[in-house]
């Protein structure tokens, strides 16, 4: 003897909005969307230009020796260079490299000024 309950296959989600038949109808092909054209092949951008410098070493030096906040911001921009380059955003990679350099230079200037003031006051 079997326990009363729904019949096998009931509630399988194969019915349409009206509760009848298979959904979607078997003669309608599924809608396929093509992805956008790839801007990169094998993980690197397909361009003849050279990849802009990431400025990682300078960012680490600024972080450790001069002013850690500017170094951390410069590290963020340094990481964006490679990420944007891989996705084919050449202009964005160049801008991130330029931003990393500017933030590094500001960090060096602020850090040097800070250390000169510390040494001058004898603290």
N, C-alpha and C. Protein backbone atom coordinates (compact mmCIF):
# COMPACT_ATOMS: atom_id res chain seq x y z
N UNK A 1 0.84 -1.17 0.00
CA UNK A 1 0.00 0.00 0.00
C UNK A 1 0.89 1.24 0.00
N UNK A 2 0.49 2.21 -0.79
CA UNK A 2 1.29 3.43 -0.88
C UNK A 2 0.61 4.56 -0.14
N UNK A 3 1.39 5.48 0.33
CA UNK A 3 0.86 6.62 1.05
C UNK A 3 0.22 7.59 0.07
N UNK A 4 -0.90 8.19 0.47
CA UNK A 4 -1.51 9.15 -0.43
C UNK A 4 -0.61 10.38 -0.57
N UNK A 5 -0.63 10.99 -1.72
CA UNK A 5 0.20 12.16 -1.96
C UNK A 5 0.17 12.51 -3.42
N UNK A 6 0.99 13.44 -3.80
CA UNK A 6 0.99 13.84 -5.21
C UNK A 6 1.52 12.71 -6.07
N UNK A 7 1.06 12.69 -7.29
CA UNK A 7 1.51 11.66 -8.21
C UNK A 7 2.93 11.95 -8.66
N UNK A 8 3.66 10.93 -9.10
CA UNK A 8 5.04 11.17 -9.56
C UNK A 8 5.06 12.18 -10.69
N UNK A 9 5.97 13.09 -10.62
CA UNK A 9 6.10 14.11 -11.65
C UNK A 9 5.29 15.35 -11.35
N UNK A 10 4.42 15.31 -10.37
CA UNK A 10 3.63 16.50 -10.04
C UNK A 10 4.53 17.51 -9.35
N UNK A 11 4.35 18.74 -9.70
CA UNK A 11 5.14 19.80 -9.08
C UNK A 11 6.54 19.87 -9.61
N UNK A 12 6.79 19.29 -10.79
CA UNK A 12 8.15 19.29 -11.32
C UNK A 12 8.51 20.59 -12.00
N UNK A 13 7.53 21.50 -12.11
CA UNK A 13 7.83 22.80 -12.71
C UNK A 13 7.79 22.77 -14.21
N UNK A 14 7.20 21.72 -14.82
CA UNK A 14 7.19 21.62 -16.26
C UNK A 14 5.91 22.15 -16.88
N UNK A 15 5.05 22.74 -16.08
CA UNK A 15 3.82 23.27 -16.64
C UNK A 15 3.96 24.75 -16.87
N UNK A 16 3.20 25.23 -17.82
CA UNK A 16 3.24 26.64 -18.17
C UNK A 16 2.35 27.47 -17.27
N UNK A 17 2.15 28.74 -17.62
CA UNK A 17 1.35 29.64 -16.79
C UNK A 17 -0.09 29.17 -16.66
N UNK A 18 -0.61 28.47 -17.67
CA UNK A 18 -1.99 28.00 -17.59
C UNK A 18 -2.10 26.69 -16.83
N UNK A 19 -1.00 26.05 -16.51
CA UNK A 19 -1.00 24.80 -15.80
C UNK A 19 -1.11 23.60 -16.71
N UNK A 20 -1.02 23.81 -18.02
CA UNK A 20 -1.16 22.72 -18.97
C UNK A 20 0.10 22.58 -19.82
N UNK A 21 0.47 21.38 -20.09
CA UNK A 21 1.52 21.10 -21.05
C UNK A 21 2.91 21.53 -20.61
N UNK A 22 3.86 21.31 -21.52
CA UNK A 22 5.25 21.67 -21.26
C UNK A 22 5.45 23.15 -21.50
N UNK A 23 6.36 23.73 -20.77
CA UNK A 23 6.67 25.14 -20.92
C UNK A 23 8.16 25.29 -20.97
N UNK A 24 8.76 25.92 -21.89
CA UNK A 24 8.21 26.52 -23.11
C UNK A 24 7.82 25.44 -24.10
N UNK A 25 7.03 25.80 -25.10
CA UNK A 25 6.61 24.81 -26.09
C UNK A 25 7.82 24.17 -26.75
N UNK A 26 7.76 22.89 -27.07
CA UNK A 26 8.93 22.19 -27.60
C UNK A 26 9.37 22.68 -28.98
N UNK A 27 8.51 23.32 -29.76
CA UNK A 27 8.90 23.74 -31.10
C UNK A 27 9.52 25.14 -31.14
N UNK A 28 9.65 25.82 -30.01
CA UNK A 28 10.25 27.15 -29.97
C UNK A 28 11.70 27.02 -29.52
N UNK A 29 12.64 27.45 -30.37
CA UNK A 29 14.04 27.35 -29.96
C UNK A 29 14.36 28.35 -28.85
N UNK A 30 15.30 28.02 -27.99
CA UNK A 30 15.67 28.97 -26.92
C UNK A 30 16.34 30.20 -27.51
N UNK A 31 16.17 31.31 -26.84
CA UNK A 31 16.79 32.56 -27.28
C UNK A 31 18.25 32.54 -26.89
N UNK A 32 19.11 32.75 -27.83
CA UNK A 32 20.55 32.75 -27.55
C UNK A 32 21.09 34.16 -27.80
N UNK A 33 21.79 34.65 -26.82
CA UNK A 33 22.41 35.96 -26.95
C UNK A 33 23.90 35.76 -27.11
N UNK A 34 24.46 36.44 -28.07
CA UNK A 34 25.89 36.31 -28.29
C UNK A 34 26.61 37.28 -27.37
N UNK A 35 27.72 36.86 -26.79
CA UNK A 35 28.48 37.77 -25.94
C UNK A 35 29.13 38.86 -26.78
N UNK A 36 29.49 39.97 -26.16
CA UNK A 36 30.16 41.02 -26.92
C UNK A 36 31.50 40.52 -27.44
N UNK A 37 32.00 41.09 -28.52
CA UNK A 37 33.28 40.63 -29.05
C UNK A 37 34.39 40.80 -28.03
N UNK A 38 35.24 39.82 -27.96
CA UNK A 38 36.33 39.83 -26.99
C UNK A 38 37.39 40.84 -27.39
N UNK A 39 37.83 41.61 -26.41
CA UNK A 39 38.87 42.60 -26.64
C UNK A 39 40.26 42.04 -26.34
N UNK A 40 40.31 40.84 -25.83
CA UNK A 40 41.60 40.27 -25.46
C UNK A 40 41.66 38.81 -25.85
N UNK A 41 42.87 38.35 -26.06
CA UNK A 41 43.09 36.95 -26.42
C UNK A 41 44.15 36.42 -25.48
N UNK A 42 43.86 35.33 -24.82
CA UNK A 42 44.86 34.72 -23.94
C UNK A 42 45.19 35.54 -22.72
N UNK A 43 44.26 36.39 -22.28
CA UNK A 43 44.49 37.16 -21.07
C UNK A 43 45.19 38.48 -21.29
N UNK A 44 45.60 38.79 -22.48
CA UNK A 44 46.27 40.06 -22.74
C UNK A 44 45.53 40.81 -23.84
N UNK A 45 45.61 42.12 -23.79
CA UNK A 45 44.93 42.95 -24.78
C UNK A 45 45.57 42.77 -26.15
N UNK A 46 44.75 42.84 -27.17
CA UNK A 46 45.26 42.72 -28.53
C UNK A 46 45.51 44.12 -29.07
N UNK A 47 46.68 44.63 -28.83
CA UNK A 47 47.06 45.95 -29.28
C UNK A 47 48.55 45.97 -29.59
N UNK A 48 48.95 46.92 -30.39
CA UNK A 48 50.37 47.02 -30.72
C UNK A 48 51.11 47.90 -29.72
N UNK A 49 50.38 48.57 -28.86
CA UNK A 49 51.02 49.44 -27.87
C UNK A 49 51.62 48.62 -26.74
N UNK A 50 52.65 49.19 -26.11
CA UNK A 50 53.27 48.54 -24.96
C UNK A 50 52.42 48.80 -23.72
N UNK A 51 52.41 47.83 -22.83
CA UNK A 51 51.66 47.97 -21.58
C UNK A 51 52.29 49.08 -20.74
N UNK A 52 51.48 49.98 -20.19
CA UNK A 52 52.05 51.05 -19.36
C UNK A 52 52.64 50.47 -18.07
N UNK A 53 53.62 51.15 -17.50
CA UNK A 53 54.24 50.64 -16.26
C UNK A 53 53.23 50.64 -15.11
N UNK A 54 53.34 49.63 -14.26
CA UNK A 54 52.40 49.51 -13.15
C UNK A 54 52.80 50.37 -11.95
N UNK A 55 54.06 50.68 -11.81
CA UNK A 55 54.59 51.50 -10.70
C UNK A 55 54.51 50.79 -9.35
N UNK A 56 54.46 49.44 -9.36
CA UNK A 56 54.40 48.70 -8.11
C UNK A 56 55.59 48.96 -7.19
N UNK A 57 56.84 48.87 -7.68
CA UNK A 57 57.97 49.06 -6.76
C UNK A 57 57.95 50.43 -6.08
N UNK A 58 57.67 51.48 -6.85
CA UNK A 58 57.63 52.82 -6.28
C UNK A 58 56.49 52.94 -5.26
N UNK A 59 55.36 52.32 -5.55
CA UNK A 59 54.23 52.37 -4.63
C UNK A 59 54.57 51.69 -3.30
N UNK A 60 55.28 50.59 -3.37
CA UNK A 60 55.66 49.88 -2.14
C UNK A 60 56.67 50.69 -1.34
N UNK A 61 57.61 51.32 -2.02
CA UNK A 61 58.60 52.16 -1.32
C UNK A 61 57.91 53.34 -0.64
N UNK A 62 56.99 53.98 -1.34
CA UNK A 62 56.26 55.10 -0.74
C UNK A 62 55.46 54.62 0.45
N UNK A 63 54.82 53.45 0.33
CA UNK A 63 54.04 52.91 1.43
C UNK A 63 54.91 52.64 2.66
N UNK A 64 56.08 52.07 2.47
CA UNK A 64 56.93 51.67 3.59
C UNK A 64 57.77 52.80 4.17
N UNK A 65 58.25 53.71 3.32
CA UNK A 65 59.23 54.68 3.80
C UNK A 65 58.70 56.11 3.94
N UNK A 66 57.71 56.48 3.17
CA UNK A 66 57.33 57.88 3.16
C UNK A 66 55.97 58.13 3.82
N UNK A 67 54.92 57.78 3.15
CA UNK A 67 53.59 58.08 3.68
C UNK A 67 52.68 56.95 3.28
N UNK A 68 52.28 56.13 4.26
CA UNK A 68 51.57 54.89 3.95
C UNK A 68 50.23 55.11 3.25
N UNK A 69 49.53 56.21 3.56
CA UNK A 69 48.23 56.45 2.93
C UNK A 69 48.39 56.67 1.42
N UNK A 70 49.34 57.50 1.04
CA UNK A 70 49.57 57.73 -0.39
C UNK A 70 50.09 56.46 -1.06
N UNK A 71 50.89 55.70 -0.36
CA UNK A 71 51.38 54.44 -0.91
C UNK A 71 50.25 53.44 -1.15
N UNK A 72 49.29 53.39 -0.23
CA UNK A 72 48.16 52.47 -0.39
C UNK A 72 47.29 52.89 -1.58
N UNK A 73 47.07 54.18 -1.72
CA UNK A 73 46.28 54.67 -2.86
C UNK A 73 47.02 54.38 -4.16
N UNK A 74 48.32 54.59 -4.18
CA UNK A 74 49.11 54.31 -5.37
C UNK A 74 49.11 52.81 -5.70
N UNK A 75 49.10 51.96 -4.68
CA UNK A 75 49.02 50.51 -4.92
C UNK A 75 47.70 50.14 -5.58
N UNK A 76 46.63 50.80 -5.19
CA UNK A 76 45.34 50.56 -5.83
C UNK A 76 45.41 50.88 -7.32
N UNK A 77 45.94 52.06 -7.64
CA UNK A 77 46.05 52.44 -9.04
C UNK A 77 47.01 51.51 -9.79
N UNK A 78 48.06 51.07 -9.13
CA UNK A 78 48.99 50.14 -9.76
C UNK A 78 48.31 48.83 -10.12
N UNK A 79 47.44 48.36 -9.26
CA UNK A 79 46.73 47.12 -9.56
C UNK A 79 45.72 47.32 -10.69
N UNK A 80 45.19 48.51 -10.83
CA UNK A 80 44.23 48.79 -11.89
C UNK A 80 44.87 48.78 -13.27
N UNK A 81 46.16 49.06 -13.36
CA UNK A 81 46.84 49.06 -14.66
C UNK A 81 46.71 47.69 -15.32
N UNK A 82 47.09 46.65 -14.62
CA UNK A 82 47.05 45.30 -15.18
C UNK A 82 45.62 44.86 -15.45
N UNK A 83 44.71 45.15 -14.52
CA UNK A 83 43.32 44.74 -14.69
C UNK A 83 42.72 45.38 -15.93
N UNK A 84 42.90 46.66 -16.08
CA UNK A 84 42.33 47.37 -17.23
C UNK A 84 42.99 46.94 -18.53
N UNK A 85 44.28 46.68 -18.48
CA UNK A 85 45.00 46.24 -19.69
C UNK A 85 44.47 44.89 -20.17
N UNK A 86 44.21 43.97 -19.23
CA UNK A 86 43.71 42.65 -19.61
C UNK A 86 42.34 42.72 -20.28
N UNK A 87 41.53 43.68 -19.90
CA UNK A 87 40.20 43.80 -20.48
C UNK A 87 40.17 44.72 -21.69
N UNK A 88 41.33 45.14 -22.16
CA UNK A 88 41.39 45.91 -23.38
C UNK A 88 41.18 47.40 -23.21
N UNK A 89 41.12 47.89 -21.98
CA UNK A 89 40.93 49.31 -21.73
C UNK A 89 42.31 49.98 -21.69
N UNK A 90 42.84 50.26 -22.87
CA UNK A 90 44.19 50.81 -22.97
C UNK A 90 44.25 52.21 -22.37
N UNK A 91 43.25 53.03 -22.68
CA UNK A 91 43.23 54.40 -22.14
C UNK A 91 43.11 54.37 -20.62
N UNK A 92 42.29 53.48 -20.09
CA UNK A 92 42.14 53.36 -18.64
C UNK A 92 43.42 52.89 -17.97
N UNK A 93 44.14 51.98 -18.63
CA UNK A 93 45.41 51.49 -18.07
C UNK A 93 46.44 52.61 -18.04
N UNK A 94 46.48 53.40 -19.09
CA UNK A 94 47.42 54.54 -19.11
C UNK A 94 47.06 55.55 -18.04
N UNK A 95 45.78 55.82 -17.87
CA UNK A 95 45.35 56.78 -16.85
C UNK A 95 45.66 56.26 -15.45
N UNK A 96 45.46 54.98 -15.20
CA UNK A 96 45.77 54.41 -13.89
C UNK A 96 47.27 54.48 -13.60
N UNK A 97 48.10 54.24 -14.62
CA UNK A 97 49.54 54.33 -14.45
C UNK A 97 49.96 55.77 -14.13
N UNK A 98 49.35 56.70 -14.83
CA UNK A 98 49.66 58.12 -14.59
C UNK A 98 49.21 58.53 -13.19
N UNK A 99 48.02 58.07 -12.78
CA UNK A 99 47.52 58.40 -11.44
C UNK A 99 48.41 57.80 -10.36
N UNK A 100 48.88 56.56 -10.58
CA UNK A 100 49.79 55.94 -9.61
C UNK A 100 51.07 56.75 -9.47
N UNK A 101 51.61 57.23 -10.59
CA UNK A 101 52.84 58.03 -10.53
C UNK A 101 52.60 59.34 -9.78
N UNK A 102 51.50 60.01 -10.08
CA UNK A 102 51.21 61.29 -9.42
C UNK A 102 51.04 61.11 -7.92
N UNK A 103 50.27 60.09 -7.52
CA UNK A 103 50.06 59.84 -6.09
C UNK A 103 51.38 59.47 -5.42
N UNK A 104 52.23 58.70 -6.10
CA UNK A 104 53.53 58.35 -5.54
C UNK A 104 54.39 59.59 -5.33
N UNK A 105 54.41 60.48 -6.31
CA UNK A 105 55.21 61.71 -6.18
C UNK A 105 54.70 62.59 -5.06
N UNK A 106 53.39 62.69 -4.92
CA UNK A 106 52.83 63.46 -3.81
C UNK A 106 53.20 62.81 -2.48
N UNK A 107 53.15 61.49 -2.41
CA UNK A 107 53.53 60.78 -1.19
C UNK A 107 55.00 60.98 -0.84
N UNK A 108 55.86 60.97 -1.85
CA UNK A 108 57.29 61.21 -1.59
C UNK A 108 57.49 62.63 -1.08
N UNK A 109 56.84 63.60 -1.71
CA UNK A 109 56.98 65.00 -1.27
C UNK A 109 56.46 65.20 0.15
N UNK A 110 55.28 64.66 0.44
CA UNK A 110 54.72 64.81 1.79
C UNK A 110 55.57 64.06 2.82
N UNK A 111 56.07 62.89 2.45
CA UNK A 111 56.90 62.13 3.37
C UNK A 111 58.23 62.81 3.66
N UNK A 112 58.86 63.33 2.61
CA UNK A 112 60.13 64.05 2.82
C UNK A 112 59.92 65.29 3.68
N UNK A 113 58.87 66.04 3.42
CA UNK A 113 58.57 67.22 4.22
C UNK A 113 58.34 66.83 5.68
N UNK A 114 57.60 65.76 5.90
CA UNK A 114 57.35 65.28 7.26
C UNK A 114 58.65 64.91 7.96
N UNK A 115 59.51 64.12 7.29
CA UNK A 115 60.76 63.69 7.94
C UNK A 115 61.71 64.85 8.16
N UNK A 116 61.74 65.83 7.26
CA UNK A 116 62.59 67.01 7.45
C UNK A 116 62.12 67.80 8.67
N UNK A 117 60.79 67.94 8.81
CA UNK A 117 60.26 68.65 9.98
C UNK A 117 60.54 67.89 11.28
N UNK A 118 60.46 66.58 11.24
CA UNK A 118 60.74 65.78 12.44
C UNK A 118 62.20 65.93 12.85
N UNK A 119 63.09 65.86 11.87
CA UNK A 119 64.52 65.99 12.17
C UNK A 119 64.86 67.41 12.61
N UNK A 120 64.26 68.41 11.98
CA UNK A 120 64.55 69.81 12.31
C UNK A 120 64.09 70.18 13.71
N UNK A 121 62.96 69.63 14.15
CA UNK A 121 62.47 69.97 15.48
C UNK A 121 63.13 69.13 16.58
N UNK A 122 63.85 68.08 16.17
CA UNK A 122 64.56 67.26 17.14
C UNK A 122 63.67 66.35 17.95
N UNK A 123 62.49 66.07 17.46
CA UNK A 123 61.56 65.21 18.21
C UNK A 123 61.84 63.77 17.98
